[in-house]
Amino acid sequence: MKRLFLDILWSKGFALLLLALVPLALQAQAFDDDYSKRVIYYLADESLAGRAPATEGSRMAREFIVAEMERAGLQVELQGDEYINVIGKLKGLDTTSLIIVGAHYDHHGIRVVKGSSDTIPRIHPGADDNASGVAALLQLARAFGKSETPLKYTVLFCAWDGEERGMKGSYDFAQKRVANPEEVALYMNFDMVGRTKDPSNPAVTFAWDGHCDTLVQLCRECAERIEQPFNVLYDKRMEYGKGGSDYAPFSALKIPFIAWMEDEMHADYHKPTDTPDKICWEKLRKTTELAYLILAEYLY
């Protein structure tokens, strides 16, 4: 009936009125490649020396993320001791229910390249892993932060520390701050979403909690609204608490999750050659657009 009503309005030529009535959930978002470039080029800069936990580069990355979240209108706090997470909150109408969106901001710092005969420690900039995920996280924080439509749920945008050392930051948060897992409607994770096998035909992997097939159904519906070419590879995960990124601590609590990740592991993984010039901006933008549409279905 709702769709019929909108069709009638359009047929009568009330295009401007229609745009005013359509909630943000039904509107395509124009995410700015220039903003993503600014985020990734900064986080992967040599001055941050690979963003290893408890380093000056980690502090610089954290301060940058805090400033961007505050600029987007979020209430920001730091959480953790050894591994310090950045938590940005947007309050919703229902303050007892949460959606959590996360991406790790740490990387490997300066170290010898694994599997190489090179014995000189090198900066590992981590442009794809995981400055790209942070860019998506901040883009979404900005989009929902400027929304004039009230959000149904409170949203936490979380930049995790210590992922490369065993999801230390996200595990600490999940264990200490998620008192009632049933209050978390969804956890969404971004890890290595800036590279793709074929830039002329970009793709992203959508891994999801296999106990909640409504997630994949929602993704398929929203993906139809993304400009082509863009492919989504579906990866159903059935085991609770399993996985190599920050969705695992939430999966262990049986919280429904979505995890965006690479379509194929690239040769620069965990190497000094994971640099910003190799990012596929179209893939990152379209992944963020799709993630936005899915979140908006929950929040509006």
C-alpha atoms as a PDB file:
ATOM      1  CA  MET A   1       0.000   0.000   0.000  1.00  0.00           C
ATOM      2  CA  LYS A   2       2.866   2.379   0.846  1.00  0.00           C
ATOM      3  CA  ARG A   3       4.499   1.761  -2.525  1.00  0.00           C
ATOM      4  CA  LEU A   4       1.152   2.314  -4.304  1.00  0.00           C
ATOM      5  CA  PHE A   5       0.696   5.588  -2.466  1.00  0.00           C
ATOM      6  CA  LEU A   6       4.138   6.808  -3.539  1.00  0.00           C
ATOM      7  CA  ASP A   7       3.476   5.745  -7.133  1.00  0.00           C
ATOM      8  CA  ILE A   8       0.264   7.769  -7.169  1.00  0.00           C
ATOM      9  CA  LEU A   9       2.032  10.852  -5.892  1.00  0.00           C
ATOM     10  CA  TRP A  10       4.721  10.533  -8.525  1.00  0.00           C
ATOM     11  CA  SER A  11       2.199  10.014 -11.296  1.00  0.00           C
ATOM     12  CA  LYS A  12       0.547  13.313 -10.365  1.00  0.00           C
ATOM     13  CA  GLY A  13       3.811  15.135 -10.784  1.00  0.00           C
ATOM     14  CA  PHE A  14       4.483  15.900  -7.135  1.00  0.00           C
ATOM     15  CA  ALA A  15       8.162  15.102  -7.440  1.00  0.00           C
ATOM     16  CA  LEU A  16       9.323  17.713  -4.964  1.00  0.00           C
ATOM     17  CA  LEU A  17       6.683  16.705  -2.468  1.00  0.00           C
ATOM     18  CA  LEU A  18       7.650  13.088  -2.886  1.00  0.00           C
ATOM     19  CA  LEU A  19      11.287  13.815  -2.106  1.00  0.00           C
ATOM     20  CA  ALA A  20      10.175  15.584   1.048  1.00  0.00           C
ATOM     21  CA  LEU A  21       8.067  12.626   2.132  1.00  0.00           C
ATOM     22  CA  VAL A  22      10.470   9.810   1.347  1.00  0.00           C
ATOM     23  CA  PRO A  23      12.448   8.932   4.475  1.00  0.00           C
ATOM     24  CA  LEU A  24      16.211   8.980   4.298  1.00  0.00           C
ATOM     25  CA  ALA A  25      16.173   5.187   4.248  1.00  0.00           C
ATOM     26  CA  LEU A  26      14.814   5.313   0.702  1.00  0.00           C
ATOM     27  CA  GLN A  27      17.200   7.959  -0.598  1.00  0.00           C
ATOM     28  CA  ALA A  28      20.558   7.188  -2.159  1.00  0.00           C
ATOM     29  CA  GLN A  29      23.450   8.801  -0.319  1.00  0.00           C
ATOM     30  CA  ALA A  30      26.229  10.547  -2.215  1.00  0.00           C
ATOM     31  CA  PHE A  31      29.353   9.559  -0.300  1.00  0.00           C
ATOM     32  CA  ASP A  32      32.352  11.705  -1.052  1.00  0.00           C
ATOM     33  CA  ASP A  33      35.455   9.959  -2.435  1.00  0.00           C
ATOM     34  CA  ASP A  34      37.504  12.993  -1.468  1.00  0.00           C
ATOM     35  CA  TYR A  35      36.584  12.520   2.189  1.00  0.00           C
ATOM     36  CA  SER A  36      37.552   8.834   2.086  1.00  0.00           C
ATOM     37  CA  LYS A  37      40.828   9.787   0.448  1.00  0.00           C
ATOM     38  CA  ARG A  38      41.550  12.307   3.179  1.00  0.00           C
ATOM     39  CA  VAL A  39      40.908   9.692   5.871  1.00  0.00           C
ATOM     40  CA  ILE A  40      42.955   6.935   4.264  1.00  0.00           C
ATOM     41  CA  TYR A  41      45.878   9.079   3.167  1.00  0.00           C
ATOM     42  CA  TYR A  42      46.143  10.507   6.662  1.00  0.00           C
ATOM     43  CA  LEU A  43      45.902   7.201   8.531  1.00  0.00           C
ATOM     44  CA  ALA A  44      48.367   5.520   6.154  1.00  0.00           C
ATOM     45  CA  ASP A  45      50.833   8.397   6.243  1.00  0.00           C
ATOM     46  CA  GLU A  46      54.414   7.649   7.276  1.00  0.00           C
ATOM     47  CA  SER A  47      54.069  10.013  10.220  1.00  0.00           C
ATOM     48  CA  LEU A  48      51.673   7.545  11.876  1.00  0.00           C
ATOM     49  CA  ALA A  49      54.200   4.730  11.361  1.00  0.00           C
ATOM     50  CA  GLY A  50      51.638   1.971  10.882  1.00  0.00           C
ATOM     51  CA  ARG A  51      49.350   2.742  13.865  1.00  0.00           C
ATOM     52  CA  ALA A  52      50.540  -0.050  16.157  1.00  0.00           C
ATOM     53  CA  PRO A  53      48.826   0.006  19.574  1.00  0.00           C
ATOM     54  CA  ALA A  54      50.425   2.093  22.321  1.00  0.00           C
ATOM     55  CA  THR A  55      52.476   4.182  19.885  1.00  0.00           C
ATOM     56  CA  GLU A  56      52.483   7.836  18.907  1.00  0.00           C
ATOM     57  CA  GLY A  57      50.977   6.864  15.554  1.00  0.00           C
ATOM     58  CA  SER A  58      48.109   5.139  17.326  1.00  0.00           C
ATOM     59  CA  ARG A  59      47.486   8.248  19.416  1.00  0.00           C
ATOM     60  CA  MET A  60      47.491  10.427  16.284  1.00  0.00           C
ATOM     61  CA  ALA A  61      45.021   8.116  14.547  1.00  0.00           C
ATOM     62  CA  ARG A  62      42.788   8.074  17.598  1.00  0.00           C
ATOM     63  CA  GLU A  63      42.759  11.861  17.912  1.00  0.00           C
ATOM     64  CA  PHE A  64      41.912  12.185  14.228  1.00  0.00           C
ATOM     65  CA  ILE A  65      38.974   9.774  14.570  1.00  0.00           C
ATOM     66  CA  VAL A  66      37.707  11.529  17.700  1.00  0.00           C
ATOM     67  CA  ALA A  67      37.779  14.889  15.909  1.00  0.00           C
ATOM     68  CA  GLU A  68      35.921  13.505  12.871  1.00  0.00           C
ATOM     69  CA  MET A  69      33.244  11.877  15.022  1.00  0.00           C
ATOM     70  CA  GLU A  70      32.724  15.037  17.046  1.00  0.00           C
ATOM     71  CA  ARG A  71      32.495  17.045  13.838  1.00  0.00           C
ATOM     72  CA  ALA A  72      29.752  14.635  12.716  1.00  0.00           C
ATOM     73  CA  GLY A  73      27.756  15.374  15.878  1.00  0.00           C
ATOM     74  CA  LEU A  74      28.525  12.219  17.856  1.00  0.00           C
ATOM     75  CA  GLN A  75      29.105  11.983  21.600  1.00  0.00           C
ATOM     76  CA  VAL A  76      32.594  10.495  21.829  1.00  0.00           C
ATOM     77  CA  GLU A  77      34.392   8.586  24.553  1.00  0.00           C
ATOM     78  CA  LEU A  78      37.539   6.490  24.803  1.00  0.00           C
ATOM     79  CA  GLN A  79      37.196   2.977  26.194  1.00  0.00           C
ATOM     80  CA  GLY A  80      39.894   0.563  27.294  1.00  0.00           C
ATOM     81  CA  ASP A  81      43.284   0.709  28.954  1.00  0.00           C
ATOM     82  CA  GLU A  82      46.003  -1.127  27.044  1.00  0.00           C
ATOM     83  CA  TYR A  83      43.967  -1.091  23.840  1.00  0.00           C
ATOM     84  CA  ILE A  84      41.971   2.114  23.439  1.00  0.00           C
ATOM     85  CA  ASN A  85      38.741   2.119  21.453  1.00  0.00           C
ATOM     86  CA  VAL A  86      36.987   5.229  20.155  1.00  0.00           C
ATOM     87  CA  ILE A  87      33.219   5.074  20.738  1.00  0.00           C
ATOM     88  CA  GLY A  88      30.904   7.594  19.068  1.00  0.00           C
ATOM     89  CA  LYS A  89      27.224   7.617  20.024  1.00  0.00           C
ATOM     90  CA  LEU A  90      24.133   8.829  18.195  1.00  0.00           C
ATOM     91  CA  LYS A  91      21.084   8.621  20.428  1.00  0.00           C
ATOM     92  CA  GLY A  92      17.930   7.078  19.041  1.00  0.00           C
ATOM     93  CA  LEU A  93      14.313   7.175  20.157  1.00  0.00           C
ATOM     94  CA  ASP A  94      14.769   3.773  21.786  1.00  0.00           C
ATOM     95  CA  THR A  95      17.793   4.216  24.055  1.00  0.00           C
ATOM     96  CA  THR A  96      17.564   0.647  25.361  1.00  0.00           C
ATOM     97  CA  SER A  97      18.329  -0.927  21.959  1.00  0.00           C
ATOM     98  CA  LEU A  98      21.597  -0.603  20.076  1.00  0.00           C
ATOM     99  CA  ILE A  99      23.139  -0.988  16.680  1.00  0.00           C
ATOM    100  CA  ILE A 100      26.935  -1.159  16.736  1.00  0.00           C
ATOM    101  CA  VAL A 101      29.076  -0.367  13.695  1.00  0.00           C
ATOM    102  CA  GLY A 102      32.789  -1.047  13.924  1.00  0.00           C
ATOM    103  CA  ALA A 103      36.153  -1.025  12.159  1.00  0.00           C
ATOM    104  CA  HIS A 104      39.638  -1.431  13.600  1.00  0.00           C
ATOM    105  CA  TYR A 105      42.072   1.460  13.257  1.00  0.00           C
ATOM    106  CA  ASP A 106      45.267  -0.286  14.358  1.00  0.00           C
ATOM    107  CA  HIS A 107      47.812  -1.962  12.097  1.00  0.00           C
ATOM    108  CA  HIS A 108      51.255  -3.565  12.407  1.00  0.00           C
ATOM    109  CA  GLY A 109      53.397  -0.504  12.872  1.00  0.00           C
ATOM    110  CA  ILE A 110      57.064  -0.943  11.993  1.00  0.00           C
ATOM    111  CA  ARG A 111      58.341  -4.491  11.667  1.00  0.00           C
ATOM    112  CA  VAL A 112      60.257  -6.898   9.472  1.00  0.00           C
ATOM    113  CA  VAL A 113      58.195  -8.069   6.511  1.00  0.00           C
ATOM    114  CA  LYS A 114      56.975 -11.600   7.172  1.00  0.00           C
ATOM    115  CA  GLY A 115      58.141 -14.179   4.655  1.00  0.00           C
ATOM    116  CA  SER A 116      60.771 -11.837   3.231  1.00  0.00           C
ATOM    117  CA  SER A 117      64.554 -11.967   3.226  1.00  0.00           C
ATOM    118  CA  ASP A 118      64.512  -8.241   4.028  1.00  0.00           C
ATOM    119  CA  THR A 119      65.663  -7.909   7.649  1.00  0.00           C
ATOM    120  CA  ILE A 120      65.087  -4.154   7.911  1.00  0.00           C
ATOM    121  CA  PRO A 121      61.930  -3.140   9.806  1.00  0.00           C
ATOM    122  CA  ARG A 122      59.529  -1.322   7.499  1.00  0.00           C
ATOM    123  CA  ILE A 123      56.456   0.828   8.067  1.00  0.00           C
ATOM    124  CA  HIS A 124      53.280  -1.104   7.347  1.00  0.00           C
ATOM    125  CA  PRO A 125      50.834   1.676   6.375  1.00  0.00           C
ATOM    126  CA  GLY A 126      47.668  -0.455   6.349  1.00  0.00           C
ATOM    127  CA  ALA A 127      45.717   1.548   3.790  1.00  0.00           C
ATOM    128  CA  ASP A 128      43.284  -1.237   2.997  1.00  0.00           C
ATOM    129  CA  ASP A 129      43.830  -2.949   6.348  1.00  0.00           C
ATOM    130  CA  ASN A 130      42.126  -1.081   7.793  1.00  0.00           C
ATOM    131  CA  ALA A 131      42.142   2.617   7.001  1.00  0.00           C
ATOM    132  CA  SER A 132      39.528   1.732   4.371  1.00  0.00           C
ATOM    133  CA  GLY A 133      37.209   0.354   7.044  1.00  0.00           C
ATOM    134  CA  VAL A 134      37.666   3.470   9.165  1.00  0.00           C
ATOM    135  CA  ALA A 135      36.788   5.612   6.148  1.00  0.00           C
ATOM    136  CA  ALA A 136      33.531   3.684   5.699  1.00  0.00           C
ATOM    137  CA  LEU A 137      32.797   3.962   9.427  1.00  0.00           C
ATOM    138  CA  LEU A 138      33.298   7.736   9.436  1.00  0.00           C
ATOM    139  CA  GLN A 139      31.310   8.206   6.244  1.00  0.00           C
ATOM    140  CA  LEU A 140      28.352   6.459   7.875  1.00  0.00           C
ATOM    141  CA  ALA A 141      28.761   8.427  11.090  1.00  0.00           C
ATOM    142  CA  ARG A 142      28.623  11.652   9.080  1.00  0.00           C
ATOM    143  CA  ALA A 143      25.567  10.526   7.086  1.00  0.00           C
ATOM    144  CA  PHE A 144      23.499   9.518  10.101  1.00  0.00           C
ATOM    145  CA  GLY A 145      24.880  12.326  12.241  1.00  0.00           C
ATOM    146  CA  LYS A 146      23.474  14.991   9.925  1.00  0.00           C
ATOM    147  CA  SER A 147      20.107  13.265   9.525  1.00  0.00           C
ATOM    148  CA  GLU A 148      17.098  15.386  10.401  1.00  0.00           C
ATOM    149  CA  THR A 149      14.964  12.259  10.814  1.00  0.00           C
ATOM    150  CA  PRO A 150      15.124  10.763  14.335  1.00  0.00           C
ATOM    151  CA  LEU A 151      16.807   7.368  14.551  1.00  0.00           C
ATOM    152  CA  LYS A 152      14.800   4.452  15.954  1.00  0.00           C
ATOM    153  CA  TYR A 153      17.789   2.967  17.770  1.00  0.00           C
ATOM    154  CA  THR A 154      20.881   4.343  19.421  1.00  0.00           C
ATOM    155  CA  VAL A 155      23.947   3.719  17.238  1.00  0.00           C
ATOM    156  CA  LEU A 156      27.518   3.272  18.421  1.00  0.00           C
ATOM    157  CA  PHE A 157      30.232   3.895  15.830  1.00  0.00           C
ATOM    158  CA  CYS A 158      33.318   2.139  17.174  1.00  0.00           C
ATOM    159  CA  ALA A 159      36.932   2.353  16.023  1.00  0.00           C
ATOM    160  CA  TRP A 160      38.635  -0.680  17.564  1.00  0.00           C
ATOM    161  CA  ASP A 161      42.215  -0.955  18.726  1.00  0.00           C
ATOM    162  CA  GLY A 162      44.267  -4.151  18.839  1.00  0.00           C
ATOM    163  CA  GLU A 163      42.512  -6.142  16.120  1.00  0.00           C
ATOM    164  CA  GLU A 164      45.827  -7.248  14.654  1.00  0.00           C
ATOM    165  CA  ARG A 165      46.750  -8.682  18.058  1.00  0.00           C
ATOM    166  CA  GLY A 166      43.671 -10.831  18.383  1.00  0.00           C
ATOM    167  CA  MET A 167      40.674  -8.453  18.399  1.00  0.00           C
ATOM    168  CA  LYS A 168      41.790  -7.172  21.802  1.00  0.00           C
ATOM    169  CA  GLY A 169      39.812  -3.935  21.740  1.00  0.00           C
ATOM    170  CA  SER A 170      36.530  -5.331  20.483  1.00  0.00           C
ATOM    171  CA  TYR A 171      36.702  -8.311  22.844  1.00  0.00           C
ATOM    172  CA  ASP A 172      37.266  -5.942  25.771  1.00  0.00           C
ATOM    173  CA  PHE A 173      34.282  -3.839  24.739  1.00  0.00           C
ATOM    174  CA  ALA A 174      31.999  -6.824  24.162  1.00  0.00           C
ATOM    175  CA  GLN A 175      32.876  -8.361  27.514  1.00  0.00           C
ATOM    176  CA  LYS A 176      32.682  -5.175  29.579  1.00  0.00           C
ATOM    177  CA  ARG A 177      30.101  -3.008  27.861  1.00  0.00           C
ATOM    178  CA  VAL A 178      27.527  -5.388  26.369  1.00  0.00           C
ATOM    179  CA  ALA A 179      25.646  -6.343  29.512  1.00  0.00           C
ATOM    180  CA  ASN A 180      22.600  -7.654  27.655  1.00  0.00           C
ATOM    181  CA  PRO A 181      23.354  -8.990  24.146  1.00  0.00           C
ATOM    182  CA  GLU A 182      19.635  -9.116  23.359  1.00  0.00           C
ATOM    183  CA  GLU A 183      19.578  -5.322  23.377  1.00  0.00           C
ATOM    184  CA  VAL A 184      21.969  -5.211  20.395  1.00  0.00           C
ATOM    185  CA  ALA A 185      19.879  -5.514  17.245  1.00  0.00           C
ATOM    186  CA  LEU A 186      22.879  -5.710  14.885  1.00  0.00           C
ATOM    187  CA  TYR A 187      26.646  -5.513  14.744  1.00  0.00           C
ATOM    188  CA  MET A 188      28.164  -4.398  11.428  1.00  0.00           C
ATOM    189  CA  ASN A 189      31.915  -4.642  10.730  1.00  0.00           C
ATOM    190  CA  PHE A 190      34.234  -3.219   8.064  1.00  0.00           C
ATOM    191  CA  ASP A 191      37.648  -4.770   7.458  1.00  0.00           C
ATOM    192  CA  MET A 192      39.626  -4.425   4.212  1.00  0.00           C
ATOM    193  CA  VAL A 193      36.932  -2.932   2.009  1.00  0.00           C
ATOM    194  CA  GLY A 194      39.157  -0.812  -0.236  1.00  0.00           C
ATOM    195  CA  ARG A 195      40.657  -3.307  -2.669  1.00  0.00           C
ATOM    196  CA  THR A 196      39.094  -5.583  -5.258  1.00  0.00           C
ATOM    197  CA  LYS A 197      40.304  -8.176  -7.732  1.00  0.00           C
ATOM    198  CA  ASP A 198      38.960  -6.336 -10.787  1.00  0.00           C
ATOM    199  CA  PRO A 199      38.533  -2.555 -10.342  1.00  0.00           C
ATOM    200  CA  SER A 200      36.457  -2.399 -13.521  1.00  0.00           C
ATOM    201  CA  ASN A 201      33.962  -4.775 -11.879  1.00  0.00           C
ATOM    202  CA  PRO A 202      34.292  -4.151  -8.124  1.00  0.00           C
ATOM    203  CA  ALA A 203      33.068  -6.670  -5.582  1.00  0.00           C
ATOM    204  CA  VAL A 204      32.736  -6.996  -1.819  1.00  0.00           C
ATOM    205  CA  THR A 205      32.147  -9.965   0.453  1.00  0.00           C
ATOM    206  CA  PHE A 206      29.062  -9.854   2.647  1.00  0.00           C
ATOM    207  CA  ALA A 207      29.528 -12.328   5.504  1.00  0.00           C
ATOM    208  CA  TRP A 208      26.546 -12.698   7.790  1.00  0.00           C
ATOM    209  CA  ASP A 209      25.208 -14.525  10.789  1.00  0.00           C
ATOM    210  CA  GLY A 210      23.753 -17.636   9.201  1.00  0.00           C
ATOM    211  CA  HIS A 211      21.175 -17.920  11.969  1.00  0.00           C
ATOM    212  CA  CYS A 212      19.555 -14.699  10.718  1.00  0.00           C
ATOM    213  CA  ASP A 213      18.762 -15.089   7.033  1.00  0.00           C
ATOM    214  CA  THR A 214      16.711 -11.897   7.015  1.00  0.00           C
ATOM    215  CA  LEU A 215      20.103 -10.155   6.829  1.00  0.00           C
ATOM    216  CA  VAL A 216      21.010 -11.638   3.473  1.00  0.00           C
ATOM    217  CA  GLN A 217      17.505 -11.030   2.155  1.00  0.00           C
ATOM    218  CA  LEU A 218      17.785  -7.380   3.137  1.00  0.00           C
ATOM    219  CA  CYS A 219      21.202  -7.091   1.527  1.00  0.00           C
ATOM    220  CA  ARG A 220      19.976  -8.557  -1.761  1.00  0.00           C
ATOM    221  CA  GLU A 221      17.080  -6.088  -1.855  1.00  0.00           C
ATOM    222  CA  CYS A 222      19.282  -3.085  -1.067  1.00  0.00           C
ATOM    223  CA  ALA A 223      21.990  -4.188  -3.505  1.00  0.00           C
ATOM    224  CA  GLU A 224      19.540  -3.791  -6.371  1.00  0.00           C
ATOM    225  CA  ARG A 225      19.682  -0.037  -5.747  1.00  0.00           C
ATOM    226  CA  ILE A 226      23.446   0.246  -6.093  1.00  0.00           C
ATOM    227  CA  GLU A 227      24.715   1.505  -9.434  1.00  0.00           C
ATOM    228  CA  GLN A 228      26.348  -1.204 -11.522  1.00  0.00           C
ATOM    229  CA  PRO A 229      28.902  -2.614 -11.921  1.00  0.00           C
ATOM    230  CA  PHE A 230      29.046  -3.888  -8.346  1.00  0.00           C
ATOM    231  CA  ASN A 231      29.000  -7.470  -7.121  1.00  0.00           C
ATOM    232  CA  VAL A 232      28.228  -8.837  -3.687  1.00  0.00           C
ATOM    233  CA  LEU A 233      29.731 -12.197  -2.718  1.00  0.00           C
ATOM    234  CA  TYR A 234      27.671 -13.910  -0.020  1.00  0.00           C
ATOM    235  CA  ASP A 235      29.391 -15.834   2.771  1.00  0.00           C
ATOM    236  CA  LYS A 236      27.177 -17.508   5.363  1.00  0.00           C
ATOM    237  CA  ARG A 237      28.795 -18.001   8.789  1.00  0.00           C
ATOM    238  CA  MET A 238      27.174 -20.535  11.116  1.00  0.00           C
ATOM    239  CA  GLU A 239      29.632 -20.973  14.002  1.00  0.00           C
ATOM    240  CA  TYR A 240      29.244 -18.530  16.853  1.00  0.00           C
ATOM    241  CA  GLY A 241      32.384 -16.657  17.837  1.00  0.00           C
ATOM    242  CA  LYS A 242      34.464 -17.771  14.860  1.00  0.00           C
ATOM    243  CA  GLY A 243      36.249 -15.403  12.498  1.00  0.00           C
ATOM    244  CA  GLY A 244      39.364 -13.334  12.052  1.00  0.00           C
ATOM    245  CA  SER A 245      37.974  -9.856  12.573  1.00  0.00           C
ATOM    246  CA  ASP A 246      36.035  -7.775  15.075  1.00  0.00           C
ATOM    247  CA  TYR A 247      32.647  -9.353  14.399  1.00  0.00           C
ATOM    248  CA  ALA A 248      33.796 -12.488  16.272  1.00  0.00           C
ATOM    249  CA  PRO A 249      33.357 -11.105  19.837  1.00  0.00           C
ATOM    250  CA  PHE A 250      29.774 -10.116  19.019  1.00  0.00           C
ATOM    251  CA  SER A 251      29.035 -13.369  17.246  1.00  0.00           C
ATOM    252  CA  ALA A 252      30.208 -15.147  20.399  1.00  0.00           C
ATOM    253  CA  LEU A 253      27.392 -13.346  22.225  1.00  0.00           C
ATOM    254  CA  LYS A 254      24.937 -14.511  19.529  1.00  0.00           C
ATOM    255  CA  ILE A 255      24.400 -10.963  18.304  1.00  0.00           C
ATOM    256  CA  PRO A 256      23.352 -10.857  14.624  1.00  0.00           C
ATOM    257  CA  PHE A 257      26.242  -9.556  12.547  1.00  0.00           C
ATOM    258  CA  ILE A 258      27.208  -8.374   9.091  1.00  0.00           C
ATOM    259  CA  ALA A 259      30.884  -8.303   8.107  1.00  0.00           C
ATOM    260  CA  TRP A 260      32.061  -6.481   4.986  1.00  0.00           C
ATOM    261  CA  MET A 261      35.445  -7.664   3.722  1.00  0.00           C
ATOM    262  CA  GLU A 262      37.683  -8.266   0.717  1.00  0.00           C
ATOM    263  CA  ASP A 263      36.420 -10.226  -2.277  1.00  0.00           C
ATOM    264  CA  GLU A 264      39.885 -11.754  -2.650  1.00  0.00           C
ATOM    265  CA  MET A 265      43.012 -11.429  -0.519  1.00  0.00           C
ATOM    266  CA  HIS A 266      45.566  -9.234  -2.299  1.00  0.00           C
ATOM    267  CA  ALA A 267      49.337  -9.585  -2.465  1.00  0.00           C
ATOM    268  CA  ASP A 268      49.910  -6.488  -0.302  1.00  0.00           C
ATOM    269  CA  TYR A 269      48.165  -7.964   2.754  1.00  0.00           C
ATOM    270  CA  HIS A 270      50.204  -7.159   5.894  1.00  0.00           C
ATOM    271  CA  LYS A 271      53.013  -5.696   3.827  1.00  0.00           C
ATOM    272  CA  PRO A 272      54.572  -2.227   3.459  1.00  0.00           C
ATOM    273  CA  THR A 273      53.026  -2.103  -0.014  1.00  0.00           C
ATOM    274  CA  ASP A 274      49.443  -1.777   1.312  1.00  0.00           C
ATOM    275  CA  THR A 275      49.306   1.869   0.259  1.00  0.00           C
ATOM    276  CA  PRO A 276      46.495   4.373  -0.507  1.00  0.00           C
ATOM    277  CA  ASP A 277      47.264   4.641  -4.228  1.00  0.00           C
ATOM    278  CA  LYS A 278      45.966   1.070  -4.678  1.00  0.00           C
ATOM    279  CA  ILE A 279      42.543   1.682  -3.171  1.00  0.00           C
ATOM    280  CA  CYS A 280      39.557   1.200  -5.477  1.00  0.00           C
ATOM    281  CA  TRP A 281      37.505   4.237  -4.511  1.00  0.00           C
ATOM    282  CA  GLU A 282      34.468   3.058  -6.434  1.00  0.00           C
ATOM    283  CA  LYS A 283      34.380  -0.224  -4.516  1.00  0.00           C
ATOM    284  CA  LEU A 284      34.756   1.564  -1.174  1.00  0.00           C
ATOM    285  CA  ARG A 285      32.045   4.081  -2.055  1.00  0.00           C
ATOM    286  CA  LYS A 286      29.524   1.500  -3.243  1.00  0.00           C
ATOM    287  CA  THR A 287      30.171  -0.752  -0.245  1.00  0.00           C
ATOM    288  CA  THR A 288      29.487   2.200   2.039  1.00  0.00           C
ATOM    289  CA  GLU A 289      26.327   3.068   0.103  1.00  0.00           C
ATOM    290  CA  LEU A 290      25.028  -0.482   0.458  1.00  0.00           C
ATOM    291  CA  ALA A 291      25.863  -0.582   4.156  1.00  0.00           C
ATOM    292  CA  TYR A 292      24.035   2.710   4.607  1.00  0.00           C
ATOM    293  CA  LEU A 293      20.876   1.391   2.952  1.00  0.00           C
ATOM    294  CA  ILE A 294      20.862  -1.686   5.197  1.00  0.00           C
ATOM    295  CA  LEU A 295      21.397   0.354   8.360  1.00  0.00           C
ATOM    296  CA  ALA A 296      18.738   2.844   7.305  1.00  0.00           C
ATOM    297  CA  GLU A 297      16.192   0.039   7.106  1.00  0.00           C
ATOM    298  CA  TYR A 298      16.781  -0.529  10.823  1.00  0.00           C
ATOM    299  CA  LEU A 299      17.003   3.104  11.857  1.00  0.00           C
ATOM    300  CA  TYR A 300      14.129   4.845  10.015  1.00  0.00           C
END
